[in-house]
């Protein structure tokens, strides 16, 4: 059974609230969609999900293909990782 997720996420930066409708970036070079913004519309078993791109194209893919979209308003983390 698929679990339907919210289509928009809220991002709080200081006192300003911004709505990000496509909070993920497609990272695999499949279907020539690498780097395009997308949103998860449903999650399934075996790490699969249904995603929708900004142009309305829908695909079922592995969730490893997605990364959180970086916000330009958040400062970059500095320092070493342990």
PDB file of N, CA and C in Angstrom:
ATOM      1  N   UNK A   1       0.848  -1.181   0.000  1.00  0.00           N
ATOM      2  CA  UNK A   1       0.000   0.000   0.000  1.00  0.00           C
ATOM      3  C   UNK A   1       0.883   1.230   0.000  1.00  0.00           C
ATOM      4  N   UNK A   2       0.514   2.225  -0.761  1.00  0.00           N
ATOM      5  CA  UNK A   2       1.307   3.434  -0.879  1.00  0.00           C
ATOM      6  C   UNK A   2       0.865   4.470   0.142  1.00  0.00           C
ATOM      7  N   UNK A   3       1.828   5.167   0.655  1.00  0.00           N
ATOM      8  CA  UNK A   3       1.548   6.228   1.611  1.00  0.00           C
ATOM      9  C   UNK A   3       1.693   7.571   0.902  1.00  0.00           C
ATOM     10  N   UNK A   4       0.638   8.339   0.855  1.00  0.00           N
ATOM     11  CA  UNK A   4       0.665   9.628   0.162  1.00  0.00           C
ATOM     12  C   UNK A   4       1.295  10.671   1.077  1.00  0.00           C
ATOM     13  N   UNK A   5       2.245  11.418   0.518  1.00  0.00           N
ATOM     14  CA  UNK A   5       2.955  12.429   1.291  1.00  0.00           C
ATOM     15  C   UNK A   5       2.444  13.819   0.962  1.00  0.00           C
ATOM     16  N   UNK A   6       2.803  14.761   1.775  1.00  0.00           N
ATOM     17  CA  UNK A   6       2.463  16.146   1.498  1.00  0.00           C
ATOM     18  C   UNK A   6       3.199  16.615   0.256  1.00  0.00           C
ATOM     19  N   UNK A   7       2.588  17.501  -0.508  1.00  0.00           N
ATOM     20  CA  UNK A   7       3.198  17.973  -1.741  1.00  0.00           C
ATOM     21  C   UNK A   7       4.062  19.200  -1.531  1.00  0.00           C
ATOM     22  N   UNK A   8       3.950  19.842  -0.402  1.00  0.00           N
ATOM     23  CA  UNK A   8       4.771  21.032  -0.153  1.00  0.00           C
ATOM     24  C   UNK A   8       5.363  20.933   1.241  1.00  0.00           C
ATOM     25  N   UNK A   9       6.573  21.399   1.383  1.00  0.00           N
ATOM     26  CA  UNK A   9       7.223  21.421   2.679  1.00  0.00           C
ATOM     27  C   UNK A   9       7.514  22.860   3.037  1.00  0.00           C
ATOM     28  N   UNK A  10       7.549  23.140   4.308  1.00  0.00           N
ATOM     29  CA  UNK A  10       7.842  24.489   4.762  1.00  0.00           C
ATOM     30  C   UNK A  10       9.292  24.551   5.216  1.00  0.00           C
ATOM     31  N   UNK A  11       9.922  25.633   4.852  1.00  0.00           N
ATOM     32  CA  UNK A  11      11.309  25.871   5.215  1.00  0.00           C
ATOM     33  C   UNK A  11      11.362  27.186   5.974  1.00  0.00           C
ATOM     34  N   UNK A  12      11.903  27.168   7.174  1.00  0.00           N
ATOM     35  CA  UNK A  12      11.959  28.377   7.981  1.00  0.00           C
ATOM     36  C   UNK A  12      13.396  28.864   8.008  1.00  0.00           C
ATOM     37  N   UNK A  13      13.603  30.105   7.577  1.00  0.00           N
ATOM     38  CA  UNK A  13      14.923  30.733   7.599  1.00  0.00           C
ATOM     39  C   UNK A  13      14.778  32.072   8.302  1.00  0.00           C
ATOM     40  N   UNK A  14      15.185  32.141   9.555  1.00  0.00           N
ATOM     41  CA  UNK A  14      15.013  33.378  10.318  1.00  0.00           C
ATOM     42  C   UNK A  14      13.541  33.612  10.582  1.00  0.00           C
ATOM     43  N   UNK A  15      13.047  34.786  10.218  1.00  0.00           N
ATOM     44  CA  UNK A  15      11.635  35.114  10.382  1.00  0.00           C
ATOM     45  C   UNK A  15      10.835  34.858   9.116  1.00  0.00           C
ATOM     46  N   UNK A  16      11.504  34.484   8.021  1.00  0.00           N
ATOM     47  CA  UNK A  16      10.840  34.307   6.742  1.00  0.00           C
ATOM     48  C   UNK A  16      10.491  32.833   6.522  1.00  0.00           C
ATOM     49  N   UNK A  17       9.266  32.571   6.112  1.00  0.00           N
ATOM     50  CA  UNK A  17       8.834  31.214   5.792  1.00  0.00           C
ATOM     51  C   UNK A  17       8.656  31.107   4.291  1.00  0.00           C
ATOM     52  N   UNK A  18       9.274  30.093   3.692  1.00  0.00           N
ATOM     53  CA  UNK A  18       9.215  29.897   2.246  1.00  0.00           C
ATOM     54  C   UNK A  18       8.659  28.510   1.959  1.00  0.00           C
ATOM     55  N   UNK A  19       7.766  28.406   0.998  1.00  0.00           N
ATOM     56  CA  UNK A  19       7.196  27.126   0.604  1.00  0.00           C
ATOM     57  C   UNK A  19       8.019  26.548  -0.545  1.00  0.00           C
ATOM     58  N   UNK A  20       8.520  25.330  -0.358  1.00  0.00           N
ATOM     59  CA  UNK A  20       9.273  24.649  -1.407  1.00  0.00           C
ATOM     60  C   UNK A  20       8.396  23.523  -1.926  1.00  0.00           C
ATOM     61  N   UNK A  21       7.926  23.674  -3.139  1.00  0.00           N
ATOM     62  CA  UNK A  21       7.023  22.678  -3.696  1.00  0.00           C
ATOM     63  C   UNK A  21       7.774  21.455  -4.208  1.00  0.00           C
ATOM     64  N   UNK A  22       9.006  21.622  -4.697  1.00  0.00           N
ATOM     65  CA  UNK A  22       9.813  20.515  -5.215  1.00  0.00           C
ATOM     66  C   UNK A  22      11.097  20.424  -4.384  1.00  0.00           C
ATOM     67  N   UNK A  23      11.034  19.728  -3.228  1.00  0.00           N
ATOM     68  CA  UNK A  23      12.144  19.754  -2.275  1.00  0.00           C
ATOM     69  C   UNK A  23      13.285  18.774  -2.561  1.00  0.00           C
ATOM     70  N   UNK A  24      13.212  17.998  -3.641  1.00  0.00           N
ATOM     71  CA  UNK A  24      14.251  17.021  -3.943  1.00  0.00           C
ATOM     72  C   UNK A  24      14.896  17.295  -5.291  1.00  0.00           C
ATOM     73  N   UNK A  25      16.095  16.729  -5.472  1.00  0.00           N
ATOM     74  CA  UNK A  25      16.813  16.797  -6.746  1.00  0.00           C
ATOM     75  C   UNK A  25      17.058  15.367  -7.207  1.00  0.00           C
ATOM     76  N   UNK A  26      16.759  15.079  -8.466  1.00  0.00           N
ATOM     77  CA  UNK A  26      16.990  13.755  -9.041  1.00  0.00           C
ATOM     78  C   UNK A  26      18.475  13.643  -9.375  1.00  0.00           C
ATOM     79  N   UNK A  27      19.184  12.677  -8.801  1.00  0.00           N
ATOM     80  CA  UNK A  27      20.638  12.597  -8.902  1.00  0.00           C
ATOM     81  C   UNK A  27      21.142  11.603  -9.934  1.00  0.00           C
ATOM     82  N   UNK A  28      20.315  10.709 -10.417  1.00  0.00           N
ATOM     83  CA  UNK A  28      20.768   9.728 -11.393  1.00  0.00           C
ATOM     84  C   UNK A  28      20.605  10.268 -12.801  1.00  0.00           C
ATOM     85  N   UNK A  29      21.448   9.821 -13.708  1.00  0.00           N
ATOM     86  CA  UNK A  29      21.360  10.272 -15.097  1.00  0.00           C
ATOM     87  C   UNK A  29      20.489   9.313 -15.910  1.00  0.00           C
ATOM     88  N   UNK A  30      19.302   9.070 -15.425  1.00  0.00           N
ATOM     89  CA  UNK A  30      18.336   8.244 -16.128  1.00  0.00           C
ATOM     90  C   UNK A  30      17.292   9.167 -16.729  1.00  0.00           C
ATOM     91  N   UNK A  31      16.862   8.879 -17.919  1.00  0.00           N
ATOM     92  CA  UNK A  31      15.835   9.663 -18.603  1.00  0.00           C
ATOM     93  C   UNK A  31      16.262  11.113 -18.822  1.00  0.00           C
ATOM     94  N   UNK A  32      17.562  11.381 -18.787  1.00  0.00           N
ATOM     95  CA  UNK A  32      18.107  12.737 -18.942  1.00  0.00           C
ATOM     96  C   UNK A  32      17.464  13.722 -17.975  1.00  0.00           C
ATOM     97  N   UNK A  33      17.294  13.306 -16.730  1.00  0.00           N
ATOM     98  CA  UNK A  33      16.638  14.135 -15.718  1.00  0.00           C
ATOM     99  C   UNK A  33      17.576  14.513 -14.577  1.00  0.00           C
ATOM    100  N   UNK A  34      18.861  14.255 -14.697  1.00  0.00           N
ATOM    101  CA  UNK A  34      19.803  14.530 -13.617  1.00  0.00           C
ATOM    102  C   UNK A  34      19.822  16.018 -13.287  1.00  0.00           C
ATOM    103  N   UNK A  35      19.698  16.331 -11.990  1.00  0.00           N
ATOM    104  CA  UNK A  35      19.736  17.703 -11.527  1.00  0.00           C
ATOM    105  C   UNK A  35      18.403  18.418 -11.528  1.00  0.00           C
ATOM    106  N   UNK A  36      17.342  17.778 -12.017  1.00  0.00           N
ATOM    107  CA  UNK A  36      16.037  18.426 -12.059  1.00  0.00           C
ATOM    108  C   UNK A  36      15.329  18.294 -10.713  1.00  0.00           C
ATOM    109  N   UNK A  37      14.530  19.289 -10.371  1.00  0.00           N
ATOM    110  CA  UNK A  37      13.805  19.302  -9.111  1.00  0.00           C
ATOM    111  C   UNK A  37      12.555  18.446  -9.227  1.00  0.00           C
ATOM    112  N   UNK A  38      12.235  17.768  -8.133  1.00  0.00           N
ATOM    113  CA  UNK A  38      11.079  16.876  -8.124  1.00  0.00           C
ATOM    114  C   UNK A  38      10.494  16.798  -6.724  1.00  0.00           C
ATOM    115  N   UNK A  39       9.336  16.156  -6.628  1.00  0.00           N
ATOM    116  CA  UNK A  39       8.699  15.928  -5.337  1.00  0.00           C
ATOM    117  C   UNK A  39       8.233  14.483  -5.264  1.00  0.00           C
ATOM    118  N   UNK A  40       8.190  13.938  -4.059  1.00  0.00           N
ATOM    119  CA  UNK A  40       7.735  12.566  -3.844  1.00  0.00           C
ATOM    120  C   UNK A  40       6.229  12.615  -3.622  1.00  0.00           C
ATOM    121  N   UNK A  41       5.496  11.886  -4.440  1.00  0.00           N
ATOM    122  CA  UNK A  41       4.040  11.860  -4.303  1.00  0.00           C
ATOM    123  C   UNK A  41       3.546  10.589  -3.626  1.00  0.00           C
ATOM    124  N   UNK A  42       4.369   9.529  -3.597  1.00  0.00           N
ATOM    125  CA  UNK A  42       4.002   8.290  -2.905  1.00  0.00           C
ATOM    126  C   UNK A  42       5.258   7.472  -2.647  1.00  0.00           C
ATOM    127  N   UNK A  43       5.225   6.697  -1.566  1.00  0.00           N
ATOM    128  CA  UNK A  43       6.324   5.792  -1.248  1.00  0.00           C
ATOM    129  C   UNK A  43       5.798   4.375  -1.219  1.00  0.00           C
ATOM    130  N   UNK A  44       6.640   3.447  -1.695  1.00  0.00           N
ATOM    131  CA  UNK A  44       6.233   2.047  -1.713  1.00  0.00           C
ATOM    132  C   UNK A  44       7.226   1.174  -0.980  1.00  0.00           C
ATOM    133  N   UNK A  45       7.068  -0.110  -1.114  1.00  0.00           N
ATOM    134  CA  UNK A  45       8.000  -1.053  -0.502  1.00  0.00           C
ATOM    135  C   UNK A  45       9.257  -1.163  -1.338  1.00  0.00           C
ATOM    136  N   UNK A  46      10.266  -1.823  -0.799  1.00  0.00           N
ATOM    137  CA  UNK A  46      11.543  -2.056  -1.472  1.00  0.00           C
ATOM    138  C   UNK A  46      12.225  -0.745  -1.891  1.00  0.00           C
ATOM    139  N   UNK A  47      12.073   0.301  -1.069  1.00  0.00           N
ATOM    140  CA  UNK A  47      12.748   1.590  -1.272  1.00  0.00           C
ATOM    141  C   UNK A  47      12.329   2.277  -2.571  1.00  0.00           C
ATOM    142  N   UNK A  48      11.120   2.047  -3.029  1.00  0.00           N
ATOM    143  CA  UNK A  48      10.648   2.678  -4.261  1.00  0.00           C
ATOM    144  C   UNK A  48       9.772   3.887  -3.937  1.00  0.00           C
ATOM    145  N   UNK A  49       9.655   4.777  -4.892  1.00  0.00           N
ATOM    146  CA  UNK A  49       8.799   5.939  -4.713  1.00  0.00           C
ATOM    147  C   UNK A  49       8.309   6.433  -6.069  1.00  0.00           C
ATOM    148  N   UNK A  50       7.223   7.163  -6.041  1.00  0.00           N
ATOM    149  CA  UNK A  50       6.667   7.811  -7.234  1.00  0.00           C
ATOM    150  C   UNK A  50       7.022   9.282  -7.116  1.00  0.00           C
ATOM    151  N   UNK A  51       7.706   9.817  -8.120  1.00  0.00           N
ATOM    152  CA  UNK A  51       8.096  11.221  -8.080  1.00  0.00           C
ATOM    153  C   UNK A  51       7.510  11.959  -9.267  1.00  0.00           C
ATOM    154  N   UNK A  52       7.306  13.250  -9.058  1.00  0.00           N
ATOM    155  CA  UNK A  52       6.779  14.116 -10.107  1.00  0.00           C
ATOM    156  C   UNK A  52       7.758  15.269 -10.296  1.00  0.00           C
ATOM    157  N   UNK A  53       8.126  15.515 -11.549  1.00  0.00           N
ATOM    158  CA  UNK A  53       9.029  16.613 -11.873  1.00  0.00           C
ATOM    159  C   UNK A  53       8.243  17.897 -12.086  1.00  0.00           C
ATOM    160  N   UNK A  54       8.937  19.016 -12.179  1.00  0.00           N
ATOM    161  CA  UNK A  54       8.292  20.318 -12.325  1.00  0.00           C
ATOM    162  C   UNK A  54       7.444  20.419 -13.589  1.00  0.00           C
ATOM    163  N   UNK A  55       7.821  19.677 -14.629  1.00  0.00           N
ATOM    164  CA  UNK A  55       7.055  19.730 -15.885  1.00  0.00           C
ATOM    165  C   UNK A  55       5.886  18.751 -15.917  1.00  0.00           C
ATOM    166  N   UNK A  56       5.642  18.039 -14.808  1.00  0.00           N
ATOM    167  CA  UNK A  56       4.509  17.128 -14.720  1.00  0.00           C
ATOM    168  C   UNK A  56       4.824  15.682 -15.032  1.00  0.00           C
ATOM    169  N   UNK A  57       6.045  15.370 -15.474  1.00  0.00           N
ATOM    170  CA  UNK A  57       6.452  14.005 -15.792  1.00  0.00           C
ATOM    171  C   UNK A  57       6.507  13.187 -14.501  1.00  0.00           C
ATOM    172  N   UNK A  58       5.940  11.985 -14.534  1.00  0.00           N
ATOM    173  CA  UNK A  58       5.869  11.119 -13.359  1.00  0.00           C
ATOM    174  C   UNK A  58       6.635   9.841 -13.628  1.00  0.00           C
ATOM    175  N   UNK A  59       7.386   9.352 -12.625  1.00  0.00           N
ATOM    176  CA  UNK A  59       8.160   8.127 -12.768  1.00  0.00           C
ATOM    177  C   UNK A  59       8.229   7.412 -11.418  1.00  0.00           C
ATOM    178  N   UNK A  60       8.326   6.083 -11.467  1.00  0.00           N
ATOM    179  CA  UNK A  60       8.572   5.267 -10.281  1.00  0.00           C
ATOM    180  C   UNK A  60      10.057   4.944 -10.275  1.00  0.00           C
ATOM    181  N   UNK A  61      10.737   5.231  -9.176  1.00  0.00           N
ATOM    182  CA  UNK A  61      12.180   5.025  -9.113  1.00  0.00           C
ATOM    183  C   UNK A  61      12.592   4.636  -7.700  1.00  0.00           C
ATOM    184  N   UNK A  62      13.860   4.391  -7.539  1.00  0.00           N
ATOM    185  CA  UNK A  62      14.440   4.076  -6.246  1.00  0.00           C
ATOM    186  C   UNK A  62      14.674   5.368  -5.480  1.00  0.00           C
ATOM    187  N   UNK A  63      14.474   5.346  -4.172  1.00  0.00           N
ATOM    188  CA  UNK A  63      14.668   6.561  -3.373  1.00  0.00           C
ATOM    189  C   UNK A  63      16.131   6.954  -3.248  1.00  0.00           C
ATOM    190  N   UNK A  64      17.055   6.055  -3.580  1.00  0.00           N
ATOM    191  CA  UNK A  64      18.475   6.414  -3.579  1.00  0.00           C
ATOM    192  C   UNK A  64      18.797   7.441  -4.666  1.00  0.00           C
ATOM    193  N   UNK A  65      17.905   7.614  -5.630  1.00  0.00           N
ATOM    194  CA  UNK A  65      18.115   8.573  -6.715  1.00  0.00           C
ATOM    195  C   UNK A  65      17.811  10.002  -6.286  1.00  0.00           C
ATOM    196  N   UNK A  66      17.275  10.188  -5.089  1.00  0.00           N
ATOM    197  CA  UNK A  66      16.858  11.516  -4.638  1.00  0.00           C
ATOM    198  C   UNK A  66      17.787  12.073  -3.577  1.00  0.00           C
ATOM    199  N   UNK A  67      17.968  13.377  -3.605  1.00  0.00           N
ATOM    200  CA  UNK A  67      18.696  14.097  -2.569  1.00  0.00           C
ATOM    201  C   UNK A  67      17.875  15.319  -2.195  1.00  0.00           C
ATOM    202  N   UNK A  68      17.982  15.733  -0.943  1.00  0.00           N
ATOM    203  CA  UNK A  68      17.299  16.946  -0.512  1.00  0.00           C
ATOM    204  C   UNK A  68      17.860  18.129  -1.273  1.00  0.00           C
ATOM    205  N   UNK A  69      16.989  19.016  -1.685  1.00  0.00           N
ATOM    206  CA  UNK A  69      17.400  20.227  -2.392  1.00  0.00           C
ATOM    207  C   UNK A  69      18.034  21.180  -1.395  1.00  0.00           C
ATOM    208  N   UNK A  70      19.213  21.675  -1.718  1.00  0.00           N
ATOM    209  CA  UNK A  70      19.899  22.574  -0.794  1.00  0.00           C
ATOM    210  C   UNK A  70      19.277  23.958  -0.878  1.00  0.00           C
ATOM    211  N   UNK A  71      19.083  24.563   0.262  1.00  0.00           N
ATOM    212  CA  UNK A  71      18.514  25.897   0.326  1.00  0.00           C
ATOM    213  C   UNK A  71      19.632  26.920   0.250  1.00  0.00           C
ATOM    214  N   UNK A  72      19.455  27.950  -0.549  1.00  0.00           N
ATOM    215  CA  UNK A  72      20.489  28.976  -0.683  1.00  0.00           C
ATOM    216  C   UNK A  72      20.504  29.916   0.513  1.00  0.00           C
ATOM    217  N   UNK A  73      19.463  29.876   1.332  1.00  0.00           N
ATOM    218  CA  UNK A  73      19.373  30.776   2.475  1.00  0.00           C
ATOM    219  C   UNK A  73      20.063  30.219   3.711  1.00  0.00           C
ATOM    220  N   UNK A  74      20.313  28.923   3.744  1.00  0.00           N
ATOM    221  CA  UNK A  74      20.978  28.319   4.897  1.00  0.00           C
ATOM    222  C   UNK A  74      22.483  28.424   4.728  1.00  0.00           C
ATOM    223  N   UNK A  75      23.215  28.746   5.795  1.00  0.00           N
ATOM    224  CA  UNK A  75      24.670  28.821   5.683  1.00  0.00           C
ATOM    225  C   UNK A  75      25.279  27.439   5.504  1.00  0.00           C
ATOM    226  N   UNK A  76      26.369  27.372   4.743  1.00  0.00           N
ATOM    227  CA  UNK A  76      27.061  26.111   4.526  1.00  0.00           C
ATOM    228  C   UNK A  76      27.815  25.710   5.791  1.00  0.00           C
ATOM    229  N   UNK A  77      27.775  24.445   6.111  1.00  0.00           N
ATOM    230  CA  UNK A  77      28.480  23.941   7.293  1.00  0.00           C
ATOM    231  C   UNK A  77      29.979  23.926   7.018  1.00  0.00           C
ATOM    232  N   UNK A  78      30.739  24.408   7.975  1.00  0.00           N
ATOM    233  CA  UNK A  78      32.189  24.392   7.848  1.00  0.00           C
ATOM    234  C   UNK A  78      32.772  23.554   8.962  1.00  0.00           C
ATOM    235  N   UNK A  79      33.988  23.101   8.772  1.00  0.00           N
ATOM    236  CA  UNK A  79      34.639  22.277   9.776  1.00  0.00           C
ATOM    237  C   UNK A  79      34.856  20.866   9.256  1.00  0.00           C
ATOM    238  N   UNK A  80      35.533  20.077  10.046  1.00  0.00           N
ATOM    239  CA  UNK A  80      35.854  18.717   9.615  1.00  0.00           C
ATOM    240  C   UNK A  80      34.811  17.738  10.133  1.00  0.00           C
ATOM    241  N   UNK A  81      34.643  16.687   9.379  1.00  0.00           N
ATOM    242  CA  UNK A  81      33.731  15.618   9.787  1.00  0.00           C
ATOM    243  C   UNK A  81      34.529  14.566  10.518  1.00  0.00           C
ATOM    244  N   UNK A  82      33.945  13.994  11.526  1.00  0.00           N
ATOM    245  CA  UNK A  82      34.660  12.968  12.299  1.00  0.00           C
ATOM    246  C   UNK A  82      34.214  11.602  11.913  1.00  0.00           C
TER     247      UNK A  82
END
